[in-house]
Protein backbone atom coordinates (compact mmCIF):
# COMPACT_ATOMS: atom_id res chain seq x y z
CA MET A 1 103.53 104.30 132.12
CA ARG A 2 106.16 107.00 132.58
CA VAL A 3 105.49 110.02 134.79
CA LEU A 4 107.96 112.91 134.54
CA HIS A 5 108.05 116.22 136.37
CA ILE A 6 109.64 118.88 134.15
CA THR A 7 110.70 122.36 135.23
CA ASP A 8 112.93 125.02 133.70
CA GLN A 9 115.94 123.55 135.50
CA HIS A 10 115.52 119.83 135.99
CA LEU A 11 113.71 116.62 135.13
CA ALA A 12 112.48 114.13 137.72
CA GLU A 13 110.92 110.78 136.88
CA LEU A 14 108.24 109.73 139.35
CA SER A 15 107.39 106.15 140.19
CA GLU A 16 103.64 106.83 140.10
CA LEU A 17 101.11 109.59 139.63
CA PRO A 18 101.69 112.21 142.36
CA ASP A 19 98.98 112.94 144.89
CA ALA A 20 99.29 116.66 144.07
CA LEU A 21 100.92 118.58 141.27
CA PRO A 22 104.38 119.90 142.18
CA ALA A 23 104.72 123.61 142.84
CA GLY A 24 106.57 124.45 139.63
CA GLY A 25 106.76 123.13 136.10
CA PHE A 26 104.37 120.54 134.71
CA VAL A 27 103.83 116.80 134.71
CA TRP A 28 104.12 114.63 131.60
CA VAL A 29 102.25 111.32 131.72
CA GLY A 30 103.24 109.05 128.82
CA LEU A 31 101.57 105.69 128.35
CA THR A 32 100.60 103.25 125.63
CA ARG A 33 97.08 102.70 124.35
CA GLN A 34 96.90 99.38 126.15
CA GLU A 35 98.00 101.00 129.42
CA LEU A 36 95.42 103.76 129.01
CA SER A 37 92.70 101.19 128.43
CA GLU A 38 93.71 99.29 131.58
CA CYS A 39 94.34 102.35 133.81
CA LEU A 40 91.65 104.67 132.46
CA PRO A 41 89.61 104.99 135.70
CA SER A 42 92.69 105.77 137.79
CA VAL A 43 94.02 108.28 135.24
CA GLN A 44 90.64 110.02 134.97
CA GLY A 45 90.31 110.12 138.75
CA TRP A 46 93.80 111.57 139.13
CA LEU A 47 93.06 114.31 136.57
CA MET A 48 89.87 115.17 138.45
CA ARG A 49 91.72 115.39 141.77
CA GLN A 50 94.28 117.76 140.25
CA GLY A 51 91.54 120.09 139.06
CA CYS A 52 92.24 119.42 135.38
CA GLY A 53 88.92 117.77 134.63
CA ALA A 54 88.41 114.36 133.09
CA VAL A 55 89.03 113.66 129.41
CA MET A 56 85.74 113.45 127.55
CA GLU A 57 84.49 110.01 126.61
CA LEU A 58 84.58 110.82 122.89
CA HIS A 59 88.20 111.95 123.15
CA VAL A 60 89.09 108.82 125.11
CA SER A 61 87.75 106.70 122.25
CA ASP A 62 89.86 108.83 119.87
CA LEU A 63 92.99 108.18 121.94
CA LEU A 64 92.32 104.43 121.94
CA ASN A 65 91.56 104.25 118.21
CA PRO A 66 94.63 102.97 116.25
CA GLN A 67 93.14 104.04 112.89
CA LEU A 68 92.29 107.66 113.65
CA PRO A 69 93.61 110.30 111.21
CA SER A 70 95.49 113.37 112.38
CA HIS A 71 93.14 115.98 113.85
CA PHE A 72 92.79 118.65 116.56
CA ASP A 73 90.00 119.43 118.99
CA THR A 74 89.70 121.78 121.93
CA THR A 75 87.56 122.17 125.03
CA SER A 76 87.47 124.71 127.84
CA LEU A 77 89.74 122.45 129.93
CA TYR A 78 92.27 121.02 127.48
CA ASP A 79 93.43 120.73 123.87
CA ILE A 80 93.73 117.35 122.14
CA LEU A 81 95.97 116.74 119.14
CA VAL A 82 96.23 113.40 117.34
CA PHE A 83 99.20 113.11 115.00
CA ARG A 84 100.15 110.08 112.92
CA ARG A 85 103.81 109.11 113.08
CA LEU A 86 105.75 106.61 110.98
CA ALA A 87 105.89 103.17 112.50
CA THR A 88 109.15 101.86 113.93
CA ALA A 89 109.28 99.13 111.27
CA GLN A 90 109.45 101.81 108.61
CA THR A 91 112.61 103.30 110.09
CA GLN A 92 114.30 99.94 109.96
CA ALA A 93 113.05 99.21 106.45
CA SER A 94 114.22 102.55 105.10
CA ALA A 95 117.84 101.46 105.47
CA GLU A 96 117.20 98.28 103.56
CA PRO A 97 118.26 97.70 99.99
CA ASP A 98 117.47 99.30 96.69
CA ALA A 99 115.12 96.59 95.48
CA VAL A 100 111.63 98.04 95.41
CA THR A 101 108.85 95.64 96.39
CA HIS A 102 105.24 95.95 97.42
CA GLU A 103 106.16 94.88 100.98
CA HIS A 104 108.82 97.62 101.25
CA LEU A 105 106.34 100.28 100.21
CA GLU A 106 103.76 99.01 102.69
CA ARG A 107 106.26 99.03 105.56
CA ARG A 108 107.54 102.48 104.72
CA MET A 109 104.03 103.91 104.68
CA ASP A 110 102.92 102.18 107.89
CA THR A 111 101.75 104.86 110.35
CA SER A 112 100.14 104.93 113.77
CA PRO A 113 98.48 107.78 115.71
CA VAL A 114 99.96 109.43 118.78
CA GLY A 115 97.41 111.28 120.92
CA MET A 116 98.32 114.23 123.16
CA VAL A 117 96.04 115.98 125.66
CA ALA A 118 97.48 119.28 126.87
CA PHE A 119 96.14 120.75 130.13
CA ASP A 120 97.55 123.86 131.81
CA ARG A 121 100.09 121.87 133.83
CA VAL A 122 99.68 118.29 132.62
CA LEU A 123 100.50 116.65 129.32
CA LEU A 124 98.91 113.25 128.70
CA SER A 125 100.43 111.45 125.68
CA VAL A 126 99.15 108.12 124.37
CA HIS A 127 101.54 106.12 122.17
CA PRO A 128 101.47 102.86 120.20
CA GLN A 129 103.11 99.84 121.78
CA ASP A 130 106.30 100.09 119.68
CA CYS A 131 106.57 103.91 119.74
CA LEU A 132 110.01 105.32 120.56
CA VAL A 133 108.94 108.97 120.75
CA ARG A 134 108.22 108.87 124.49
CA ASP A 135 111.58 107.33 125.45
CA TYR A 136 113.43 109.51 122.94
CA PHE A 137 112.10 112.73 124.45
CA ALA A 138 112.62 111.54 128.00
CA ALA A 139 116.29 110.93 127.16
CA LYS A 140 116.52 114.20 125.25
CA ILE A 141 115.11 116.25 128.14
CA GLU A 142 117.53 114.50 130.50
CA ALA A 143 120.38 115.46 128.18
CA LEU A 144 119.14 119.05 128.19
CA GLN A 145 119.13 119.00 131.97
CA ASN A 146 122.74 117.77 132.00
CA GLN A 147 123.65 120.15 129.14
CA HIS A 148 124.82 117.25 127.00
CA ASP A 149 122.51 117.96 124.04
CA VAL A 150 124.37 120.48 121.89
CA ARG A 151 122.02 120.17 118.91
CA GLY A 152 118.63 121.77 118.36
CA VAL A 153 116.77 123.50 121.21
CA SER A 154 118.95 124.22 124.22
CA ARG A 155 116.21 124.96 126.77
CA MET A 156 113.85 122.73 128.70
CA PRO A 157 110.18 122.56 127.64
CA SER A 158 108.35 125.36 129.42
CA SER A 159 104.79 124.03 129.15
CA PRO A 160 102.77 120.98 128.06
CA ALA A 161 102.00 122.74 124.75
CA ASP A 162 105.72 123.33 124.15
CA LEU A 163 106.58 119.65 124.71
CA MET A 164 103.64 118.57 122.57
CA LEU A 165 104.85 120.67 119.63
CA ARG A 166 108.39 119.37 120.04
CA MET A 167 107.12 115.80 119.75
CA VAL A 168 105.03 116.71 116.72
CA ASN A 169 108.03 118.39 115.09
CA HIS A 170 110.12 115.27 115.73
CA MET A 171 107.48 113.09 114.06
CA VAL A 172 107.33 115.42 111.05
CA ASP A 173 111.12 115.19 110.68
CA SER A 174 110.77 111.45 110.06
CA TYR A 175 108.54 112.31 107.09
CA LEU A 176 111.28 114.60 105.78
CA ASP A 177 113.64 111.60 105.89
CA LEU A 178 110.99 109.48 104.15
CA ARG A 179 111.16 111.83 101.16
CA ARG A 180 114.67 110.61 100.31
CA VAL A 181 113.65 106.97 100.68
CA LEU A 182 110.60 107.36 98.41
CA THR A 183 112.63 109.36 95.88
CA ARG A 184 115.23 106.60 95.72
CA ASP A 185 112.59 103.87 95.35
CA LEU A 186 110.59 105.70 92.69
CA THR A 187 113.75 106.67 90.78
CA ALA A 188 114.77 103.01 90.62
CA LEU A 189 111.24 102.14 89.48
CA GLN A 190 111.33 104.84 86.81
CA HIS A 191 114.68 103.58 85.48
CA VAL A 192 113.13 100.14 84.99
CA LEU A 193 110.05 101.72 83.46
CA LEU A 194 112.05 103.78 80.94
CA ASN A 195 114.61 101.09 80.03
CA PRO A 196 114.38 100.86 76.21
CA ARG A 197 115.66 97.26 76.23
CA GLY A 198 113.46 96.02 79.04
CA GLN A 199 109.84 94.97 79.24
CA PHE A 200 108.11 96.38 82.31
CA ARG A 201 105.44 94.01 83.61
CA ASN A 202 105.21 94.80 87.35
CA TRP A 203 102.24 97.16 87.07
CA ASN A 204 100.95 96.10 90.49
CA LEU A 205 104.10 97.54 92.07
CA LEU A 206 103.65 100.78 90.16
CA LEU A 207 100.01 101.05 91.31
CA ALA A 208 101.16 100.35 94.89
CA ALA A 209 103.74 103.18 94.61
CA ARG A 210 101.12 105.61 93.35
CA ASP A 211 98.74 104.52 96.10
CA ALA A 212 101.48 105.10 98.70
CA LEU A 213 102.00 108.64 97.38
CA HIS A 214 98.27 109.34 97.51
CA ARG A 215 98.05 108.07 101.09
CA LEU A 216 101.04 110.18 102.12
CA GLU A 217 99.46 113.23 100.50
CA GLU A 218 96.19 112.70 102.40
CA LEU A 219 98.14 112.11 105.60
CA CYS A 220 100.09 115.36 105.20
CA GLU A 221 96.92 117.31 104.49
CA ASP A 222 95.35 115.95 107.69
CA GLN A 223 98.48 116.85 109.65
CA ARG A 224 98.60 120.35 108.24
CA SER A 225 94.92 120.92 109.04
CA ALA A 226 95.39 119.64 112.62
CA VAL A 227 98.34 121.95 113.36
CA GLN A 228 96.61 124.88 111.64
CA GLU A 229 93.52 124.37 113.82
CA TRP A 230 95.76 124.32 116.90
CA LEU A 231 97.37 127.56 115.71
CA ASP A 232 93.94 129.14 115.20
CA ALA A 233 92.80 128.02 118.65
CA MET A 234 95.92 129.55 120.18
CA SER A 235 94.96 132.96 118.82
CA GLU A 236 91.76 132.80 120.91
CA TRP A 237 93.58 132.36 124.21
CA PRO A 238 93.00 135.23 126.67
CA VAL A 239 95.64 137.94 126.79
CA GLY A 240 98.11 137.44 129.65
CA ASP A 241 101.18 139.14 131.01
CA GLU A 242 104.39 139.78 129.08
CA GLY A 243 105.88 136.38 129.95
CA SER A 244 102.84 134.43 128.81
CA GLU A 245 102.64 136.45 125.59
CA ARG A 246 106.28 135.68 124.86
CA GLU A 247 105.62 131.99 125.49
CA ARG A 248 102.61 132.12 123.18
CA GLU A 249 104.70 133.72 120.44
CA LEU A 250 107.29 130.94 120.76
CA LEU A 251 104.50 128.38 120.43
CA ARG A 252 103.26 130.16 117.31
CA LEU A 253 106.74 130.07 115.81
CA ARG A 254 107.10 126.37 116.55
CA SER A 255 103.63 125.66 115.14
CA ARG A 256 104.40 127.54 111.93
CA ASP A 257 107.68 125.63 111.69
CA VAL A 258 105.76 122.33 111.93
CA ILE A 259 103.33 123.48 109.24
CA GLU A 260 106.24 124.52 107.00
CA HIS A 261 107.83 121.06 107.38
CA VAL A 262 104.52 119.35 106.57
CA GLU A 263 104.10 121.53 103.48
CA ARG A 264 107.62 120.64 102.33
CA VAL A 265 106.73 116.96 102.52
CA LEU A 266 103.42 117.63 100.77
CA SER A 267 105.02 119.57 97.92
CA HIS A 268 107.68 116.88 97.48
CA VAL A 269 105.02 114.17 97.34
CA ARG A 270 103.14 116.08 94.67
CA ARG A 271 106.35 116.45 92.65
CA LEU A 272 106.90 112.70 92.91
CA GLU A 273 103.33 112.07 91.76
CA SER A 274 103.87 114.36 88.77
CA THR A 275 107.20 112.70 87.96
CA THR A 276 105.66 109.25 88.17
CA GLU A 277 102.79 110.25 85.87
CA SER A 278 105.31 111.71 83.39
CA ALA A 279 107.37 108.50 83.52
CA ILE A 280 104.26 106.42 82.76
CA GLN A 281 103.42 108.63 79.78
CA MET A 282 107.03 108.43 78.56
CA HIS A 283 106.92 104.64 78.92
CA PHE A 284 103.87 104.40 76.65
CA SER A 285 105.46 106.86 74.22
CA LEU A 286 108.62 104.73 74.08
CA THR A 287 106.50 101.62 73.61
CA GLY A 288 104.63 103.30 70.74
CA GLU A 289 107.90 104.47 69.18
CA ARG A 290 109.40 100.97 69.43
CA THR A 291 106.29 99.53 67.80
CA ASN A 292 106.49 102.13 65.01
CA ASN A 293 110.17 101.28 64.41
CA ILE A 294 109.35 97.58 64.15
CA MET A 295 106.47 98.24 61.75
CA ARG A 296 108.66 100.57 59.66
CA THR A 297 111.39 97.93 59.39
CA LEU A 298 108.89 95.24 58.40
CA THR A 299 107.33 97.59 55.83
CA VAL A 300 110.75 98.32 54.31
CA LEU A 301 111.57 94.61 54.09
CA THR A 302 108.20 94.00 52.44
CA ALA A 303 108.91 96.80 49.95
CA ILE A 304 112.30 95.24 49.14
CA PHE A 305 110.91 91.77 48.49
CA LEU A 306 107.90 92.87 46.45
CA PRO A 307 109.95 93.46 43.24
CA LEU A 308 111.71 90.15 43.80
CA ASN A 309 108.38 88.38 44.07
CA LEU A 310 107.31 90.10 40.86
CA ILE A 311 110.44 88.89 39.00
CA THR A 312 110.11 85.32 40.28
CA GLY A 313 106.41 85.40 39.45
CA VAL A 314 107.09 86.46 35.87
CA PHE A 315 109.70 83.75 35.31
CA GLY A 316 107.49 81.21 36.94
CA MET A 317 104.65 81.70 34.44
CA ASN A 318 103.81 78.65 32.31
CA PHE A 319 104.85 80.06 28.87
CA ASP A 320 107.39 78.63 26.47
CA ALA A 321 108.42 81.86 24.71
CA LEU A 322 109.67 83.86 27.74
CA PRO A 323 113.04 85.64 27.32
CA LEU A 324 116.04 83.82 28.88
CA ILE A 325 113.87 80.78 29.65
CA HIS A 326 115.95 78.49 27.41
CA SER A 327 119.30 80.21 28.02
CA ALA A 328 121.97 78.53 30.14
CA VAL A 329 122.76 81.83 31.87
CA GLY A 330 119.12 82.94 32.23
CA PHE A 331 118.93 81.92 35.88
CA TRP A 332 122.09 83.84 36.77
CA ILE A 333 120.88 86.94 34.95
CA ALA A 334 117.55 86.83 36.83
CA ALA A 335 119.36 86.26 40.15
CA ALA A 336 121.69 89.19 39.47
CA LEU A 337 118.71 91.35 38.56
CA MET A 338 116.92 90.45 41.80
CA GLY A 339 120.10 90.99 43.84
CA GLY A 340 120.66 94.37 42.21
CA VAL A 341 117.08 95.47 42.88
CA ALA A 342 117.33 94.31 46.53
CA VAL A 343 120.66 96.08 47.13
CA THR A 344 119.47 99.28 45.42
CA LEU A 345 116.25 99.43 47.42
CA GLY A 346 118.08 98.55 50.66
CA TRP A 347 120.63 101.34 50.08
CA TYR A 348 117.85 103.81 49.23
CA PHE A 349 115.82 103.00 52.36
CA TRP A 350 118.97 103.12 54.48
CA ARG A 351 119.77 106.59 53.14
CA LYS A 352 116.24 107.67 53.98
CA ARG A 353 116.71 106.18 57.51
CA TYR A 354 113.78 103.84 57.10
CA LEU A 355 115.95 101.04 58.50
CA GLY A 356 117.24 101.02 62.10
CA THR A 357 116.12 103.13 65.06
CA GLN A 358 116.95 106.59 63.62
CA GLN A 359 114.11 108.86 62.66
CA PRO A 360 113.47 109.17 58.88
CA ARG A 361 114.42 112.37 57.11
């Protein structure tokens, strides 16, 4: 468990949950699902003592559920947002090689939920065991305090909701990076699929790729709905002073930015799905065209040898009075006739482009 006290000017990491909330700023309590399960009574009791109110039992089960989809819910005491982030193994696998396998696709689409409960002055975040988001933001806020972070936002988080949206935005950015990885993998798969000299047989991998795109699309839709519900709930907050209204407007801007990033991922996934479907249709079209070329070539060869079979059939009939049958040069005349017919028909079909891979005129 990590307990951090964040104000506009500094960050202080506490060794344990404070007996009372500090005068300024807010407290961020970050812990894993296992830690929440073990320390749930103490965490609930601490929230009650601080006047925040305990987290509802149903929401506790949501925070402890590793399979929960992204969603948002609100109460009179707090807001809860569950957002699925890409697993750490995916980040490592994304830098791995170009070879596309079923295992690579599974690792790259491995996700896990991060739950965040935002009170007025307390943010409770529940992470998977291997999640790096908590430590990343603790280091980032420390860099902001020391003015070492020259990229992105240059101010400290002003409220639990602000920090929550920053973490959500960071998780969405990993999906933006995933777009390039999936595009590379599916492009390599499409090149194999459309190779005119190859024979594509790994249909299980193609089905796994399509299933990964469908899962990512459903995941993005859940994420977009969760952030949109949070944005709608924000509009129902009571009107405050000028400072609180400015803070609310900044939260709206950050929420809309998160939604815009999710929609970019969603639109890219749908383009990949469309491209993959088009590649499959083109593959079957190329297969049909290759089959037609083979059948056309075999038909032309059959048409060339039919007259030759006719000539050999005539000279093979059991009659004694056939022309050239008793001549010494009869065989050579018949062979020349058959050769001439074969060459003439071959030249004619070649001129008509019935031979080869070119389309006939």
